[in-house]
Structure formats: structure tokens, C-alpha cells
Amino acid sequence: MNDTPRRPIISVVGDARLSDDDPRIAIAYRTGRKLIDHGFAVMTGGMGGAMDAALRGGRESTNWSPGSCISLLPGSNSDAPQVSGAADIVIPTGLDHARNLVVAQSDAVIAIGGGAGTLSEIAFAWIHRRLLVAVRCEGWSGRLADAPIDSRTRYEDIPDDRVYGADDADEAVALVRRLRPNYTRRHRRIAG
């Protein structure tokens, strides 16, 4: 039996199409690297932009080990040209945007910018009671940072539960490190 503890998996979600000089690329890269530095695994939707940057950052951490960078692809082709080559584990789901539900099932989600796909990942993470951190930048993460998504009470013992806002990668990872132990309950369908 393997005595190595499981690395908590943190999803990094954001725009798939960003120019190389977009500041969100640098934030995603640093986020991926810092997550691996602190013993987490990184999971993304496996495409370009912020997702690729987070995986590349994770691969360049001195704490990287095989299996630390996970890519859940929307399509069935793991060799498509827009797929990040920085992942250790590549899972072609064939689910298109429905794979966003799977991405949101990690131990926590960090959003960096994002359009409609990222918005769906944030919403799924909220519904399934995951810790959510949103970087205050252009896109849905900036719009939703520092507020709850809706009025539901996800945790009775966390009165300030919300999408936690962060100004940069360092703050985002620090929030995950500090708050993740509080966010352990999972969504359960209640028969009615």
C-alpha cells in the first residue's frame, strides 16, 4: 500500500484565449507554480491561455512530481493543437463544456478572469460547496470576487462564506492554504 498522502487538487480556471502579454497569463503561471510549491496538484480544463499558463507554472515548480499537473479536456482528442502540453495527466472527456462540472469537483477553485465557461465552473463550484477564490482582474473572476453567488447558506459555521477575492497569485494561494480545511462538506442531493 502507498503511504504517500494524496495531494489536494486545486483547479485553476480562466480564459482559454489570451495573448502572451496579457497580465492574466502571468497570474495563472505564478498561481500554478505556487500551488505545486505548497504541495497541491493543479487541474485545469487543459486548453490554452490561463489554463496552459497554470500548468506550465506547476511544471516549473521545484516541488513538481509526475502527476501534479492534470488536464481535463473538453474534447476526445488529446493531440489537438490547442491542448496544453504541460500536463502530466491528460483526460480527454468528450464532454465539451459539461466537463466544467468535473473541473469544479476539486478541493478548491481559483478563477482568473474568464468568460462563460469560467462562469459555469464558478457556479458549479459554488453549488457543490467548494472553496472559491477569484482574482480581481478583467473577466468573471473580477466581477464575482468578494461576494456570494446567491443567498444560499452553504456552511452554517462560515458566516462570511463567499467567493474570496485576491489581488494576485500569492494572495490567492494563501487564501486556499488558510481556508481549504474549512470547506470539506460536499454537495449532496436531498431526496424529496
Protein backbone atom coordinates (compact mmCIF):
# COMPACT_ATOMS: atom_id res chain seq x y z
CA MET A 1 0.00 0.00 0.00
CA ASN A 2 1.20 3.52 -0.81
CA ASP A 3 1.89 5.63 2.30
CA THR A 4 2.18 8.87 0.31
CA PRO A 5 -0.76 11.14 1.16
CA ARG A 6 -2.93 12.37 -1.70
CA ARG A 7 -2.12 15.87 -2.87
CA PRO A 8 -5.19 18.08 -2.65
CA ILE A 9 -6.23 19.11 -6.16
CA ILE A 10 -6.84 22.79 -6.87
CA SER A 11 -8.49 23.77 -10.14
CA VAL A 12 -7.32 26.91 -11.89
CA VAL A 13 -9.96 28.20 -14.30
CA GLY A 14 -9.87 31.13 -16.71
CA ASP A 15 -9.72 32.34 -20.29
CA ALA A 16 -8.57 29.88 -22.95
CA ARG A 17 -7.56 32.57 -25.43
CA LEU A 18 -5.21 35.24 -24.09
CA SER A 19 -2.24 36.95 -25.67
CA ASP A 20 1.16 36.09 -24.20
CA ASP A 21 1.49 39.60 -22.75
CA ASP A 22 -1.92 39.57 -21.02
CA PRO A 23 -1.36 40.05 -17.26
CA ARG A 24 -3.69 37.12 -16.52
CA ILE A 25 -1.13 34.76 -18.10
CA ALA A 26 1.50 35.82 -15.54
CA ILE A 27 -1.01 35.48 -12.69
CA ALA A 28 -2.03 31.98 -13.82
CA TYR A 29 1.58 30.89 -14.27
CA ARG A 30 2.54 32.10 -10.79
CA THR A 31 -0.62 30.54 -9.30
CA GLY A 32 0.19 27.12 -10.77
CA ARG A 33 3.78 27.30 -9.61
CA LYS A 34 2.89 28.43 -6.07
CA LEU A 35 0.23 25.71 -5.74
CA ILE A 36 2.75 22.98 -6.56
CA ASP A 37 5.35 24.70 -4.34
CA HIS A 38 2.91 24.29 -1.43
CA GLY A 39 2.13 20.62 -2.07
CA PHE A 40 -1.06 20.86 -4.12
CA ALA A 41 -1.81 19.32 -7.52
CA VAL A 42 -3.12 21.63 -10.25
CA MET A 43 -6.07 20.77 -12.50
CA THR A 44 -7.34 22.78 -15.46
CA GLY A 45 -9.59 22.37 -18.46
CA GLY A 46 -6.40 21.67 -20.40
CA MET A 47 -6.61 24.25 -23.14
CA GLY A 48 -4.55 27.39 -23.80
CA GLY A 49 -4.44 30.77 -22.11
CA ALA A 50 -4.74 30.81 -18.32
CA MET A 51 -5.13 27.02 -18.21
CA ASP A 52 -1.87 26.38 -20.07
CA ALA A 53 -0.06 29.04 -18.03
CA ALA A 54 -1.13 27.44 -14.72
CA LEU A 55 0.06 24.02 -15.88
CA ARG A 56 3.38 25.42 -17.16
CA GLY A 57 3.93 27.19 -13.85
CA GLY A 58 3.20 23.98 -11.96
CA ARG A 59 5.65 22.01 -14.10
CA GLU A 60 8.40 24.52 -13.30
CA SER A 61 7.99 24.29 -9.53
CA THR A 62 10.88 22.66 -7.69
CA ASN A 63 8.21 20.63 -5.86
CA TRP A 64 6.75 19.21 -9.11
CA SER A 65 6.48 15.44 -9.41
CA PRO A 66 4.80 13.29 -12.08
CA GLY A 67 1.03 13.52 -11.77
CA SER A 68 0.99 17.01 -10.26
CA CYS A 69 -0.49 18.73 -13.34
CA ILE A 70 -3.86 17.43 -14.55
CA SER A 71 -5.74 18.37 -17.70
CA LEU A 72 -9.43 17.55 -18.25
CA LEU A 73 -10.04 18.19 -21.94
CA PRO A 74 -13.46 19.08 -23.35
CA GLY A 75 -12.90 17.01 -26.48
CA SER A 76 -11.85 13.47 -27.33
CA ASN A 77 -8.54 14.33 -28.99
CA SER A 78 -5.60 14.73 -26.63
CA ASP A 79 -3.38 15.73 -29.57
CA ALA A 80 -5.45 18.75 -30.69
CA PRO A 81 -3.18 21.78 -31.34
CA GLN A 82 -4.86 23.98 -28.70
CA VAL A 83 -4.29 21.43 -25.89
CA SER A 84 -1.68 22.37 -23.29
CA GLY A 85 1.44 20.24 -23.46
CA ALA A 86 2.33 20.96 -19.83
CA ALA A 87 0.02 18.39 -18.22
CA ASP A 88 1.26 15.14 -16.70
CA ILE A 89 -2.16 13.53 -16.79
CA VAL A 90 -4.42 14.25 -19.78
CA ILE A 91 -8.00 13.05 -19.71
CA PRO A 92 -9.96 13.64 -22.94
CA THR A 93 -13.54 13.66 -21.63
CA GLY A 94 -15.53 14.16 -24.83
CA LEU A 95 -17.96 16.18 -22.67
CA ASP A 96 -17.39 19.63 -24.22
CA HIS A 97 -18.46 22.28 -21.68
CA ALA A 98 -20.08 19.63 -19.46
CA ARG A 99 -16.52 18.80 -18.34
CA ASN A 100 -16.66 22.09 -16.38
CA LEU A 101 -18.68 20.26 -13.74
CA VAL A 102 -15.81 17.79 -13.31
CA VAL A 103 -13.21 20.58 -13.15
CA ALA A 104 -15.24 22.17 -10.33
CA GLN A 105 -15.10 18.97 -8.25
CA SER A 106 -11.59 19.68 -6.98
CA ASP A 107 -10.67 20.60 -3.41
CA ALA A 108 -10.82 24.32 -4.28
CA VAL A 109 -11.15 26.51 -7.37
CA ILE A 110 -9.12 29.61 -8.25
CA ALA A 111 -10.64 31.71 -11.05
CA ILE A 112 -8.51 34.10 -13.10
CA GLY A 113 -10.60 36.23 -15.45
CA GLY A 114 -12.79 34.12 -17.66
CA GLY A 115 -15.80 34.14 -19.91
CA ALA A 116 -18.93 31.99 -19.98
CA GLY A 117 -17.05 28.69 -19.49
CA THR A 118 -15.29 30.02 -16.42
CA LEU A 119 -18.59 31.39 -15.13
CA SER A 120 -20.08 27.89 -15.34
CA GLU A 121 -17.12 26.42 -13.43
CA ILE A 122 -17.53 29.07 -10.72
CA ALA A 123 -21.27 28.35 -10.49
CA PHE A 124 -20.73 24.59 -10.27
CA ALA A 125 -18.08 25.04 -7.57
CA TRP A 126 -20.47 27.28 -5.62
CA ILE A 127 -23.33 24.77 -5.89
CA HIS A 128 -21.05 21.93 -4.78
CA ARG A 129 -19.75 23.89 -1.78
CA ARG A 130 -16.15 24.22 -2.92
CA LEU A 131 -13.82 26.91 -1.70
CA LEU A 132 -13.74 29.60 -4.39
CA VAL A 133 -11.05 32.25 -4.82
CA ALA A 134 -11.38 34.84 -7.61
CA VAL A 135 -8.58 37.10 -8.75
CA ARG A 136 -9.66 40.71 -9.08
CA CYS A 137 -8.97 41.18 -12.79
CA GLU A 138 -10.86 41.53 -16.07
CA GLY A 139 -13.48 38.80 -16.57
CA TRP A 140 -15.91 36.90 -14.37
CA SER A 141 -13.44 36.43 -11.54
CA GLY A 142 -13.19 40.19 -11.11
CA ARG A 143 -16.96 40.60 -11.23
CA LEU A 144 -17.63 37.91 -8.62
CA ALA A 145 -14.72 38.46 -6.23
CA ASP A 146 -15.69 39.27 -2.63
CA ALA A 147 -19.38 38.33 -2.90
CA PRO A 148 -21.57 35.26 -2.54
CA ILE A 149 -23.04 33.89 -5.80
CA ASP A 150 -26.53 33.68 -4.30
CA SER A 151 -28.28 33.76 -0.94
CA ARG A 152 -27.99 30.06 -0.05
CA THR A 153 -26.23 29.12 3.18
CA ARG A 154 -23.53 26.68 2.14
CA TYR A 155 -21.92 26.38 5.58
CA GLU A 156 -23.62 27.37 8.83
CA ASP A 157 -20.24 27.68 10.53
CA ILE A 158 -18.76 30.05 7.90
CA PRO A 159 -20.84 33.23 8.20
CA ASP A 160 -18.69 35.16 5.70
CA ASP A 161 -18.77 32.40 3.05
CA ARG A 162 -18.33 33.98 -0.37
CA VAL A 163 -16.15 33.98 -3.44
CA TYR A 164 -12.97 35.22 -1.79
CA GLY A 165 -11.21 37.97 -3.73
CA ALA A 166 -7.46 38.09 -4.27
CA ASP A 167 -5.28 40.70 -5.94
CA ASP A 168 -2.59 38.31 -7.16
CA ALA A 169 -1.35 34.72 -7.19
CA ASP A 170 0.34 34.97 -3.80
CA GLU A 171 -2.87 36.10 -2.10
CA ALA A 172 -4.99 33.51 -3.97
CA VAL A 173 -2.77 30.61 -2.90
CA ALA A 174 -2.52 31.96 0.67
CA LEU A 175 -6.34 32.00 0.86
CA VAL A 176 -6.52 28.40 -0.37
CA ARG A 177 -3.92 27.31 2.17
CA ARG A 178 -5.69 29.06 5.03
CA LEU A 179 -9.35 28.36 4.19
CA ARG A 180 -9.39 24.95 2.48
CA PRO A 181 -9.68 22.94 5.73
CA ASN A 182 -12.99 24.74 6.42
CA TYR A 183 -14.50 23.68 3.09
CA THR A 184 -14.86 19.93 3.38
CA ARG A 185 -18.58 19.29 3.04
CA ARG A 186 -19.72 18.13 -0.37
CA HIS A 187 -22.99 18.78 -2.16
CA ARG A 188 -25.50 16.01 -1.62
CA ARG A 189 -28.75 15.63 -3.44
CA ILE A 190 -31.60 15.63 -0.94
CA ALA A 191 -34.41 13.25 -1.82
CA GLY A 192 -37.71 14.99 -1.57
